Amino acid sequence: MLKISVKTDEAGNQVLPLLEVEGRLAGPWVEELERCWESEQKRAASGAMIVRLSNVTFIDETGTDLLRKIFRAGARLEGSGCLVRAIIARITGAAFSARDCESESRKTVAVQSRVETQGGKK
């Protein structure tokens, strides 16, 4: 089961759409997240948004592929828990080692995509 809550978040001096994801990001739930993301992306003025993976217990390969697509489109990925942080690190290229999970304290990681356009940075 997957729960997706659509909210807003104040990031600096702008309000961004926020998709808060809880549960298992696998199977048919990946398609549901993709539909929600595409819908919110169309509504967002700048196309920027936050996808927060809170209380996510499992992410399959298709879910990881979707998160990669969302990140490359310019979304910020946030998550807590060792599994989620490791997947975000793999998607974003951030440093992460098994030692990061030794004293698991529900640390949160947030990484912003650096999307470039033909005329320079977005």
C-alpha atoms as a PDB file:
ATOM      1  CA  MET A   1       0.000   0.000   0.000  1.00  0.00           C
ATOM      2  CA  LEU A   2       1.123   3.540  -0.714  1.00  0.00           C
ATOM      3  CA  LYS A   3      -0.093   6.864   0.631  1.00  0.00           C
ATOM      4  CA  ILE A   4       0.655  10.039  -1.319  1.00  0.00           C
ATOM      5  CA  SER A   5      -0.189  13.376   0.276  1.00  0.00           C
ATOM      6  CA  VAL A   6      -0.070  16.530  -1.824  1.00  0.00           C
ATOM      7  CA  LYS A   7       1.051  19.517   0.231  1.00  0.00           C
ATOM      8  CA  THR A   8       3.138  22.652  -0.107  1.00  0.00           C
ATOM      9  CA  ASP A   9       6.487  23.478   1.471  1.00  0.00           C
ATOM     10  CA  GLU A  10       8.205  26.809   1.924  1.00  0.00           C
ATOM     11  CA  ALA A  11      11.710  26.480   0.486  1.00  0.00           C
ATOM     12  CA  GLY A  12      13.562  29.732   0.892  1.00  0.00           C
ATOM     13  CA  ASN A  13      11.378  32.474  -0.532  1.00  0.00           C
ATOM     14  CA  GLN A  14       9.160  30.236  -2.653  1.00  0.00           C
ATOM     15  CA  VAL A  15       6.354  27.793  -1.984  1.00  0.00           C
ATOM     16  CA  LEU A  16       6.893  24.436  -3.676  1.00  0.00           C
ATOM     17  CA  PRO A  17       4.531  21.526  -4.246  1.00  0.00           C
ATOM     18  CA  LEU A  18       5.364  18.634  -1.935  1.00  0.00           C
ATOM     19  CA  LEU A  19       4.507  14.999  -2.541  1.00  0.00           C
ATOM     20  CA  GLU A  20       4.808  13.084   0.714  1.00  0.00           C
ATOM     21  CA  VAL A  21       5.093   9.354   0.071  1.00  0.00           C
ATOM     22  CA  GLU A  22       4.544   6.637   2.687  1.00  0.00           C
ATOM     23  CA  GLY A  23       4.472   2.854   2.387  1.00  0.00           C
ATOM     24  CA  ARG A  24       5.750   0.581  -0.390  1.00  0.00           C
ATOM     25  CA  LEU A  25       6.852   2.157  -3.670  1.00  0.00           C
ATOM     26  CA  ALA A  26       6.444  -0.963  -5.788  1.00  0.00           C
ATOM     27  CA  GLY A  27       4.205  -2.524  -8.413  1.00  0.00           C
ATOM     28  CA  PRO A  28       1.082  -0.532  -9.303  1.00  0.00           C
ATOM     29  CA  TRP A  29       1.913   2.115  -6.698  1.00  0.00           C
ATOM     30  CA  VAL A  30       4.809   3.329  -8.849  1.00  0.00           C
ATOM     31  CA  GLU A  31       2.357   4.259 -11.601  1.00  0.00           C
ATOM     32  CA  GLU A  32       0.188   6.077  -9.059  1.00  0.00           C
ATOM     33  CA  LEU A  33       3.132   8.169  -7.861  1.00  0.00           C
ATOM     34  CA  GLU A  34       4.040   8.932 -11.471  1.00  0.00           C
ATOM     35  CA  ARG A  35       0.482  10.160 -12.170  1.00  0.00           C
ATOM     36  CA  CYS A  36       0.538  12.381  -9.066  1.00  0.00           C
ATOM     37  CA  TRP A  37       3.993  13.731  -9.913  1.00  0.00           C
ATOM     38  CA  GLU A  38       3.020  14.538 -13.514  1.00  0.00           C
ATOM     39  CA  SER A  39      -0.160  16.260 -12.350  1.00  0.00           C
ATOM     40  CA  GLU A  40       1.661  18.403  -9.778  1.00  0.00           C
ATOM     41  CA  GLN A  41       4.505  19.139 -12.202  1.00  0.00           C
ATOM     42  CA  LYS A  42       2.007  20.661 -14.642  1.00  0.00           C
ATOM     43  CA  ARG A  43       0.525  22.837 -11.887  1.00  0.00           C
ATOM     44  CA  ALA A  44       3.873  24.055 -10.531  1.00  0.00           C
ATOM     45  CA  ALA A  45       4.903  27.411 -11.941  1.00  0.00           C
ATOM     46  CA  SER A  46       8.611  26.594 -12.098  1.00  0.00           C
ATOM     47  CA  GLY A  47       8.336  22.825 -12.393  1.00  0.00           C
ATOM     48  CA  ALA A  48      10.286  22.505  -9.136  1.00  0.00           C
ATOM     49  CA  MET A  49       8.898  20.363  -6.343  1.00  0.00           C
ATOM     50  CA  ILE A  50       9.820  18.190  -3.393  1.00  0.00           C
ATOM     51  CA  VAL A  51       9.255  14.451  -3.161  1.00  0.00           C
ATOM     52  CA  ARG A  52       9.536  13.409   0.478  1.00  0.00           C
ATOM     53  CA  LEU A  53       9.866   9.683   1.103  1.00  0.00           C
ATOM     54  CA  SER A  54       8.716   9.478   4.703  1.00  0.00           C
ATOM     55  CA  ASN A  55       8.032   6.087   6.258  1.00  0.00           C
ATOM     56  CA  VAL A  56       8.774   4.306   2.975  1.00  0.00           C
ATOM     57  CA  THR A  57       9.391   0.641   3.740  1.00  0.00           C
ATOM     58  CA  PHE A  58      10.346  -0.724   0.319  1.00  0.00           C
ATOM     59  CA  ILE A  59      11.289   0.591  -3.132  1.00  0.00           C
ATOM     60  CA  ASP A  60      11.507  -1.806  -6.073  1.00  0.00           C
ATOM     61  CA  GLU A  61      13.562  -1.288  -9.241  1.00  0.00           C
ATOM     62  CA  THR A  62      10.675   0.383 -11.070  1.00  0.00           C
ATOM     63  CA  GLY A  63      10.195   2.738  -8.126  1.00  0.00           C
ATOM     64  CA  THR A  64      13.907   3.578  -8.166  1.00  0.00           C
ATOM     65  CA  ASP A  65      13.713   4.271 -11.903  1.00  0.00           C
ATOM     66  CA  LEU A  66      10.783   6.643 -11.354  1.00  0.00           C
ATOM     67  CA  LEU A  67      12.611   8.478  -8.574  1.00  0.00           C
ATOM     68  CA  ARG A  68      15.593   8.858 -10.900  1.00  0.00           C
ATOM     69  CA  LYS A  69      13.295  10.328 -13.577  1.00  0.00           C
ATOM     70  CA  ILE A  70      11.716  12.695 -11.052  1.00  0.00           C
ATOM     71  CA  PHE A  71      15.153  13.813  -9.804  1.00  0.00           C
ATOM     72  CA  ARG A  72      16.447  14.407 -13.329  1.00  0.00           C
ATOM     73  CA  ALA A  73      13.392  16.564 -14.015  1.00  0.00           C
ATOM     74  CA  GLY A  74      14.505  18.890 -11.227  1.00  0.00           C
ATOM     75  CA  ALA A  75      12.683  17.675  -8.128  1.00  0.00           C
ATOM     76  CA  ARG A  76      14.276  17.612  -4.721  1.00  0.00           C
ATOM     77  CA  LEU A  77      14.303  14.151  -3.109  1.00  0.00           C
ATOM     78  CA  GLU A  78      14.080  13.893   0.662  1.00  0.00           C
ATOM     79  CA  GLY A  79      14.013  10.785   2.780  1.00  0.00           C
ATOM     80  CA  SER A  80      14.794   9.177   6.084  1.00  0.00           C
ATOM     81  CA  GLY A  81      15.785   5.664   7.022  1.00  0.00           C
ATOM     82  CA  CYS A  82      18.811   3.753   5.859  1.00  0.00           C
ATOM     83  CA  LEU A  83      17.191   2.112   2.807  1.00  0.00           C
ATOM     84  CA  VAL A  84      15.702   5.323   1.487  1.00  0.00           C
ATOM     85  CA  ARG A  85      18.847   7.360   2.089  1.00  0.00           C
ATOM     86  CA  ALA A  86      20.937   4.735   0.281  1.00  0.00           C
ATOM     87  CA  ILE A  87      18.602   4.773  -2.722  1.00  0.00           C
ATOM     88  CA  ILE A  88      18.570   8.576  -2.852  1.00  0.00           C
ATOM     89  CA  ALA A  89      22.372   8.572  -2.685  1.00  0.00           C
ATOM     90  CA  ARG A  90      22.582   6.073  -5.541  1.00  0.00           C
ATOM     91  CA  ILE A  91      20.195   8.151  -7.662  1.00  0.00           C
ATOM     92  CA  THR A  92      21.883  11.471  -6.952  1.00  0.00           C
ATOM     93  CA  GLY A  93      25.490  10.352  -6.813  1.00  0.00           C
ATOM     94  CA  ALA A  94      25.865  11.520  -3.202  1.00  0.00           C
ATOM     95  CA  ALA A  95      28.329   9.768  -0.930  1.00  0.00           C
ATOM     96  CA  PHE A  96      26.845   7.031   1.244  1.00  0.00           C
ATOM     97  CA  SER A  97      28.384   4.064   3.011  1.00  0.00           C
ATOM     98  CA  ALA A  98      27.090   1.222   5.135  1.00  0.00           C
ATOM     99  CA  ARG A  99      28.628   2.986   8.123  1.00  0.00           C
ATOM    100  CA  ASP A 100      26.012   5.721   7.650  1.00  0.00           C
ATOM    101  CA  CYS A 101      23.452   3.236   9.012  1.00  0.00           C
ATOM    102  CA  GLU A 102      25.382   2.083  12.089  1.00  0.00           C
ATOM    103  CA  SER A 103      23.811   4.657  14.380  1.00  0.00           C
ATOM    104  CA  GLU A 104      20.527   4.974  12.552  1.00  0.00           C
ATOM    105  CA  SER A 105      18.670   7.907  14.026  1.00  0.00           C
ATOM    106  CA  ARG A 106      16.210   8.593  11.218  1.00  0.00           C
ATOM    107  CA  LYS A 107      18.571  11.120   9.656  1.00  0.00           C
ATOM    108  CA  THR A 108      17.056  12.974   6.737  1.00  0.00           C
ATOM    109  CA  VAL A 109      18.845  13.590   3.483  1.00  0.00           C
ATOM    110  CA  ALA A 110      17.697  16.104   0.889  1.00  0.00           C
ATOM    111  CA  VAL A 111      19.282  16.487  -2.506  1.00  0.00           C
ATOM    112  CA  GLN A 112      18.381  18.968  -5.220  1.00  0.00           C
ATOM    113  CA  SER A 113      18.831  18.067  -8.861  1.00  0.00           C
ATOM    114  CA  ARG A 114      21.052  20.295 -10.957  1.00  0.00           C
ATOM    115  CA  VAL A 115      19.051  20.318 -14.165  1.00  0.00           C
ATOM    116  CA  GLU A 116      20.675  22.203 -17.011  1.00  0.00           C
ATOM    117  CA  THR A 117      18.988  23.643 -20.050  1.00  0.00           C
ATOM    118  CA  GLN A 118      20.516  24.653 -23.376  1.00  0.00           C
ATOM    119  CA  GLY A 119      20.968  28.236 -22.209  1.00  0.00           C
ATOM    120  CA  GLY A 120      22.678  27.330 -18.941  1.00  0.00           C
ATOM    121  CA  LYS A 121      21.373  26.269 -15.590  1.00  0.00           C
ATOM    122  CA  LYS A 122      17.674  26.080 -15.035  1.00  0.00           C
END
